[in-house]
């Protein structure tokens, strides 16, 4: 289109937006006025503008950098309904956290920030120890005659006192969700977006918030998300042993166990028939393309479930 930047500039901009989202995931809770959440909406606004002016297929082809779990969590908590709709429309490269991509996949590209003027961000290694400003060391302020000189230990102690805040104040600034109780999962639930959490029948989760119809829980891997309250039951009301465990897929699973797992995950009969003859090792070793060629209708969904199994 006449007057529009070349596609390479759109590509570079989309790479930088993903890098910006990852950076906000790291900075969340560490910066204020503006906070990381404020920048999330700013980046989504930029992303919407770029997506509306570039080719429709370009944003979904931007794989690197993969979004970190901290970034995914921040976007899930802060994105508005319009932003969430845009985010979900961009496909797997923008929605699957880096920890759930296969580590052995050599086709996943890497990305290094580059700027047109040649500037590179400084490499951050470790946080330097706090020190007094240089200007004070070069030209110290003279002490009044009636005050004795202070030792270095006294200066350090006063600096620590100046930064100290009462526990109540710290708690207000950084609220921490406290577990209400343990809940037992009565039915399987598969998440449909990044706000929800996949849970399995028989699993025990920590209840964090039950103020809405969907309750927020945390699993034993530290992952948090929302599930329907009717799939949960108070752990004290029923013995965990009474709940029949769901089929589990591992690399040692036999074809019969693989078939039971596929049926339990409610894949259609064609998928069960095509993949139920494989061992667990063979199924978990299949790529997305191989699964889609065998099961065009559900290959993508099977792949996502297999990534969840691998990351568990």
Protein backbone atom coordinates (compact mmCIF):
# COMPACT_ATOMS: atom_id res chain seq x y z
CA UNK A 1 0.00 0.00 0.00
CA UNK A 2 1.36 3.41 -0.95
CA UNK A 3 2.53 5.48 2.00
CA UNK A 4 2.71 2.50 4.40
CA UNK A 5 5.96 1.30 5.99
CA UNK A 6 7.49 -1.93 4.61
CA UNK A 7 6.45 -5.22 6.22
CA UNK A 8 9.85 -5.58 7.90
CA UNK A 9 9.13 -2.51 10.03
CA UNK A 10 5.78 -3.96 11.11
CA UNK A 11 7.56 -7.22 11.96
CA UNK A 12 10.18 -5.43 14.02
CA UNK A 13 7.49 -3.46 15.85
CA UNK A 14 5.60 -6.65 16.76
CA UNK A 15 8.80 -8.25 18.08
CA UNK A 16 9.37 -5.21 20.27
CA UNK A 17 5.79 -5.27 21.58
CA UNK A 18 6.25 -8.88 22.73
CA UNK A 19 9.57 -7.91 24.33
CA UNK A 20 7.80 -5.04 26.07
CA UNK A 21 5.13 -7.36 27.45
CA UNK A 22 7.84 -9.67 28.83
CA UNK A 23 9.63 -6.74 30.43
CA UNK A 24 6.40 -5.64 32.12
CA UNK A 25 6.01 -9.16 33.50
CA UNK A 26 9.40 -8.77 35.19
CA UNK A 27 8.65 -5.24 36.44
CA UNK A 28 5.18 -5.98 37.78
CA UNK A 29 5.09 -4.95 41.43
CA UNK A 30 8.46 -3.21 41.18
CA UNK A 31 7.43 0.09 39.55
CA UNK A 32 4.70 2.60 40.41
CA UNK A 33 3.27 5.82 39.01
CA UNK A 34 2.89 4.54 36.36
CA UNK A 35 2.65 0.87 37.28
CA UNK A 36 3.29 -2.08 34.96
CA UNK A 37 -0.47 -2.50 34.50
CA UNK A 38 -0.71 1.02 33.03
CA UNK A 39 1.90 0.17 30.41
CA UNK A 40 -0.01 -3.02 29.54
CA UNK A 41 -2.92 -0.97 28.19
CA UNK A 42 -0.52 1.34 26.34
CA UNK A 43 1.13 -1.61 24.59
CA UNK A 44 -2.24 -3.16 23.74
CA UNK A 45 -3.25 0.14 22.15
CA UNK A 46 -0.09 0.10 20.04
CA UNK A 47 -0.64 -3.57 19.18
CA UNK A 48 -4.21 -2.89 18.03
CA UNK A 49 -3.00 -0.04 15.79
CA UNK A 50 -0.25 -2.17 14.22
CA UNK A 51 -2.58 -5.15 13.67
CA UNK A 52 -5.14 -2.94 11.94
CA UNK A 53 -2.57 -1.65 9.45
CA UNK A 54 -0.40 -4.70 8.66
CA UNK A 55 -1.32 -7.89 6.83
CA UNK A 56 -3.77 -10.07 8.74
CA UNK A 57 -1.44 -13.10 8.91
CA UNK A 58 1.67 -11.23 10.08
CA UNK A 59 1.00 -10.91 13.86
CA UNK A 60 0.25 -14.64 14.19
CA UNK A 61 3.60 -15.46 12.57
CA UNK A 62 5.62 -13.57 15.20
CA UNK A 63 6.89 -16.35 17.48
CA UNK A 64 9.88 -14.78 19.19
CA UNK A 65 10.27 -13.80 21.88
CA UNK A 66 8.02 -16.36 23.59
CA UNK A 67 5.95 -14.78 26.36
CA UNK A 68 7.01 -15.71 29.89
CA UNK A 69 4.60 -17.14 32.50
CA UNK A 70 4.90 -13.89 34.51
CA UNK A 71 3.91 -11.92 31.42
CA UNK A 72 0.95 -14.22 30.63
CA UNK A 73 -0.28 -13.87 34.21
CA UNK A 74 -0.04 -10.07 34.13
CA UNK A 75 -1.90 -9.82 30.81
CA UNK A 76 -4.58 -12.22 32.07
CA UNK A 77 -5.19 -10.04 35.13
CA UNK A 78 -5.06 -6.63 33.44
CA UNK A 79 -6.40 -6.99 29.89
CA UNK A 80 -9.84 -5.53 29.22
CA UNK A 81 -12.43 -7.56 27.30
CA UNK A 82 -11.46 -5.85 24.02
CA UNK A 83 -7.76 -6.34 24.69
CA UNK A 84 -8.33 -9.96 25.66
CA UNK A 85 -10.24 -10.58 22.42
CA UNK A 86 -7.37 -9.13 20.39
CA UNK A 87 -4.84 -11.12 22.40
CA UNK A 88 -6.66 -14.45 21.93
CA UNK A 89 -7.00 -13.81 18.18
CA UNK A 90 -3.23 -13.77 17.73
CA UNK A 91 -2.91 -17.52 18.25
CA UNK A 92 -0.46 -19.81 20.04
CA UNK A 93 2.71 -17.67 19.69
CA UNK A 94 1.03 -14.98 21.81
CA UNK A 95 -0.93 -17.19 24.21
CA UNK A 96 1.19 -20.22 25.16
CA UNK A 97 3.83 -19.42 27.82
CA UNK A 98 7.47 -20.19 27.05
CA UNK A 99 7.54 -23.01 29.62
CA UNK A 100 4.96 -25.01 27.65
CA UNK A 101 6.80 -24.93 24.32
CA UNK A 102 8.86 -28.08 23.65
CA UNK A 103 12.45 -27.42 24.72
CA UNK A 104 13.86 -29.65 22.00
CA UNK A 105 12.10 -27.77 19.18
CA UNK A 106 14.91 -26.24 17.13
CA UNK A 107 12.45 -24.36 14.93
CA UNK A 108 11.59 -21.87 17.67
CA UNK A 109 13.54 -18.71 16.79
CA UNK A 110 15.24 -16.41 19.26
CA UNK A 111 15.08 -12.64 19.28
CA UNK A 112 17.54 -9.95 20.33
CA UNK A 113 16.38 -6.36 20.68
CA UNK A 114 17.80 -4.17 17.91
CA UNK A 115 17.29 -0.47 17.31
CA UNK A 116 17.66 1.48 14.08
CA UNK A 117 20.22 3.92 15.58
CA UNK A 118 22.43 1.07 16.80
CA UNK A 119 21.73 1.58 20.51
CA UNK A 120 21.70 -1.54 22.67
CA UNK A 121 20.25 -1.81 26.18
CA UNK A 122 22.94 -2.36 28.83
CA UNK A 123 23.39 -5.92 29.99
CA UNK A 124 22.04 -6.44 33.49
CA UNK A 125 24.01 -8.93 35.58
CA UNK A 126 23.36 -8.35 39.27
CA UNK A 127 21.96 -5.52 41.30
CA UNK A 128 24.88 -3.43 42.60
CA UNK A 129 25.11 -2.88 46.34
CA UNK A 130 23.57 0.41 47.51
CA UNK A 131 26.07 3.21 47.83
CA UNK A 132 26.01 6.90 48.70
CA UNK A 133 25.62 9.34 45.77
CA UNK A 134 28.92 10.36 44.15
CA UNK A 135 28.27 14.06 44.66
CA UNK A 136 28.20 13.61 48.43
CA UNK A 137 31.49 11.73 48.41
CA UNK A 138 33.21 14.38 46.30
CA UNK A 139 31.98 17.40 48.24
CA UNK A 140 30.68 16.37 51.66
CA UNK A 141 28.59 18.85 53.56
CA UNK A 142 30.50 20.26 56.59
CA UNK A 143 29.24 19.04 59.94
CA UNK A 144 28.10 21.53 62.58
CA UNK A 145 30.71 22.04 65.30
CA UNK A 146 28.47 20.75 68.07
CA UNK A 147 27.86 17.38 66.33
CA UNK A 148 30.52 14.66 66.48
CA UNK A 149 31.50 13.04 63.17
CA UNK A 150 29.39 9.97 62.34
CA UNK A 151 30.96 6.65 61.60
CA UNK A 152 30.26 4.66 58.44
CA UNK A 153 28.26 2.17 60.50
CA UNK A 154 25.96 4.89 61.79
CA UNK A 155 25.31 6.18 58.27
CA UNK A 156 24.42 2.70 57.05
CA UNK A 157 22.12 2.15 60.03
CA UNK A 158 20.28 5.44 59.45
CA UNK A 159 19.89 4.60 55.75
CA UNK A 160 18.30 1.27 56.70
CA UNK A 161 15.92 3.00 59.12
CA UNK A 162 14.89 5.49 56.44
CA UNK A 163 13.85 2.66 54.10
CA UNK A 164 12.06 0.67 56.81
CA UNK A 165 8.29 0.61 56.72
CA UNK A 166 5.84 -0.83 59.17
CA UNK A 167 4.61 -4.33 58.26
CA UNK A 168 1.04 -3.04 57.95
CA UNK A 169 2.13 -0.47 55.36
CA UNK A 170 4.06 -2.99 53.30
CA UNK A 171 1.10 -5.33 53.33
CA UNK A 172 -1.23 -2.66 51.99
CA UNK A 173 1.09 -1.82 49.12
CA UNK A 174 1.69 -5.43 48.09
CA UNK A 175 -1.34 -7.56 49.05
CA UNK A 176 -0.74 -11.30 49.07
CA UNK A 177 -3.58 -13.73 48.45
CA UNK A 178 -3.95 -16.12 51.35
CA UNK A 179 -5.25 -19.66 50.93
CA UNK A 180 -8.80 -19.99 52.28
CA UNK A 181 -8.89 -23.81 52.32
CA UNK A 182 -8.11 -26.90 50.27
CA UNK A 183 -10.68 -27.99 47.69
CA UNK A 184 -11.04 -31.27 45.84
CA UNK A 185 -11.74 -31.27 42.09
CA UNK A 186 -14.83 -33.37 41.36
CA UNK A 187 -14.86 -33.01 37.55
CA UNK A 188 -12.26 -32.27 34.88
CA UNK A 189 -12.17 -28.74 33.55
CA UNK A 190 -10.05 -27.58 30.60
CA UNK A 191 -9.16 -23.88 30.48
CA UNK A 192 -10.23 -21.92 27.42
CA UNK A 193 -8.15 -18.80 28.02
CA UNK A 194 -5.27 -17.57 30.13
CA UNK A 195 -7.50 -16.48 33.04
CA UNK A 196 -8.76 -20.02 33.61
CA UNK A 197 -6.90 -23.02 35.01
CA UNK A 198 -7.03 -26.61 33.81
CA UNK A 199 -7.83 -29.02 36.67
CA UNK A 200 -8.26 -32.78 36.79
CA UNK A 201 -10.73 -34.91 38.73
CA UNK A 202 -9.19 -35.98 42.05
CA UNK A 203 -6.72 -33.09 42.15
CA UNK A 204 -6.42 -31.01 45.34
CA UNK A 205 -6.16 -27.24 44.88
CA UNK A 206 -5.91 -24.24 47.19
CA UNK A 207 -8.90 -21.89 47.19
CA UNK A 208 -7.81 -18.24 46.98
CA UNK A 209 -10.99 -16.30 46.18
CA UNK A 210 -14.67 -17.32 46.12
CA UNK A 211 -16.29 -13.91 45.88
CA UNK A 212 -17.57 -14.61 42.33
CA UNK A 213 -19.24 -17.48 40.50
CA UNK A 214 -15.85 -18.59 39.19
CA UNK A 215 -13.42 -19.30 42.04
CA UNK A 216 -9.71 -18.57 41.92
CA UNK A 217 -7.50 -21.53 42.86
CA UNK A 218 -3.84 -22.52 42.90
CA UNK A 219 -2.56 -26.00 41.99
CA UNK A 220 0.45 -27.84 43.44
CA UNK A 221 2.69 -26.36 40.71
CA UNK A 222 1.94 -22.82 41.83
CA UNK A 223 -0.25 -22.03 38.79
CA UNK A 224 -3.31 -19.88 39.51
CA UNK A 225 -6.54 -19.33 37.61
CA UNK A 226 -10.33 -19.43 37.72
CA UNK A 227 -12.54 -22.53 37.57
CA UNK A 228 -16.34 -22.98 37.85
CA UNK A 229 -17.30 -23.41 41.51
CA UNK A 230 -19.44 -26.45 40.71
CA UNK A 231 -16.39 -28.56 39.85
CA UNK A 232 -15.01 -28.11 43.38
CA UNK A 233 -15.93 -29.62 46.71
CA UNK A 234 -14.64 -28.94 50.18
CA UNK A 235 -11.85 -31.39 50.90
CA UNK A 236 -13.26 -32.14 54.36
CA UNK A 237 -16.64 -33.26 53.03
CA UNK A 238 -15.35 -36.27 51.13
CA UNK A 239 -12.35 -38.51 51.39
CA UNK A 240 -9.96 -38.05 48.49
CA UNK A 241 -9.58 -41.82 48.16
CA UNK A 242 -13.26 -42.10 47.27
CA UNK A 243 -12.73 -40.14 44.08
CA UNK A 244 -11.77 -42.25 41.12
CA UNK A 245 -8.52 -41.01 39.61
CA UNK A 246 -8.54 -39.89 36.00
CA UNK A 247 -6.45 -41.68 33.36
CA UNK A 248 -2.88 -40.37 33.30
CA UNK A 249 -0.77 -40.10 30.16
CA UNK A 250 2.99 -40.74 30.48
CA UNK A 251 5.75 -41.87 28.13
CA UNK A 252 5.33 -45.37 29.60
CA UNK A 253 1.60 -45.53 28.82
CA UNK A 254 0.46 -48.50 26.76
CA UNK A 255 -1.94 -48.08 23.79
CA UNK A 256 -4.93 -49.05 25.96
CA UNK A 257 -3.99 -46.34 28.48
CA UNK A 258 -3.49 -43.81 25.69
CA UNK A 259 -6.95 -44.64 24.33
CA UNK A 260 -8.48 -44.25 27.82
CA UNK A 261 -6.79 -40.86 28.21
CA UNK A 262 -8.04 -39.66 24.82
CA UNK A 263 -11.59 -40.73 25.66
CA UNK A 264 -11.34 -39.10 29.08
CA UNK A 265 -10.26 -35.82 27.43
CA UNK A 266 -13.42 -36.10 25.28
CA UNK A 267 -11.75 -36.19 21.87
CA UNK A 268 -14.01 -37.45 19.10
CA UNK A 269 -14.08 -41.07 18.00
CA UNK A 270 -11.97 -40.42 14.88
CA UNK A 271 -9.16 -38.96 17.00
CA UNK A 272 -9.42 -41.79 19.54
CA UNK A 273 -9.34 -44.40 16.78
CA UNK A 274 -6.36 -42.84 14.98
CA UNK A 275 -4.21 -42.07 18.03
CA UNK A 276 -5.41 -44.76 20.45
CA UNK A 277 -3.16 -47.36 18.84
CA UNK A 278 0.01 -45.47 19.80
CA UNK A 279 2.10 -45.79 22.94
CA UNK A 280 2.53 -42.84 25.28
CA UNK A 281 6.09 -42.27 24.08
CA UNK A 282 5.02 -42.19 20.43
CA UNK A 283 2.10 -39.82 21.05
CA UNK A 284 4.12 -37.40 23.21
CA UNK A 285 6.84 -37.35 20.56
CA UNK A 286 4.56 -36.18 17.74
CA UNK A 287 4.87 -32.62 16.44
CA UNK A 288 1.97 -30.25 15.84
CA UNK A 289 2.21 -30.82 12.08
CA UNK A 290 2.16 -34.61 12.46
CA UNK A 291 -0.89 -34.46 14.72
CA UNK A 292 -2.74 -32.17 12.32
CA UNK A 293 -1.96 -34.43 9.38
CA UNK A 294 -3.38 -37.45 11.23
CA UNK A 295 -6.29 -35.58 12.88
CA UNK A 296 -6.97 -32.37 10.92
CA UNK A 297 -9.97 -31.44 13.07
CA UNK A 298 -8.51 -31.89 16.56
CA UNK A 299 -4.74 -32.13 16.00
CA UNK A 300 -4.12 -28.63 17.37
CA UNK A 301 -6.14 -29.31 20.52
CA UNK A 302 -4.37 -32.63 21.09
CA UNK A 303 -1.01 -30.85 20.77
CA UNK A 304 -1.97 -28.30 23.44
CA UNK A 305 -3.05 -31.04 25.83
CA UNK A 306 0.21 -32.89 25.24
CA UNK A 307 2.18 -29.73 26.09
CA UNK A 308 0.24 -29.52 29.34
CA UNK A 309 1.15 -33.15 30.11
CA UNK A 310 4.84 -32.50 29.38
CA UNK A 311 4.97 -29.41 31.59
CA UNK A 312 3.18 -31.09 34.53
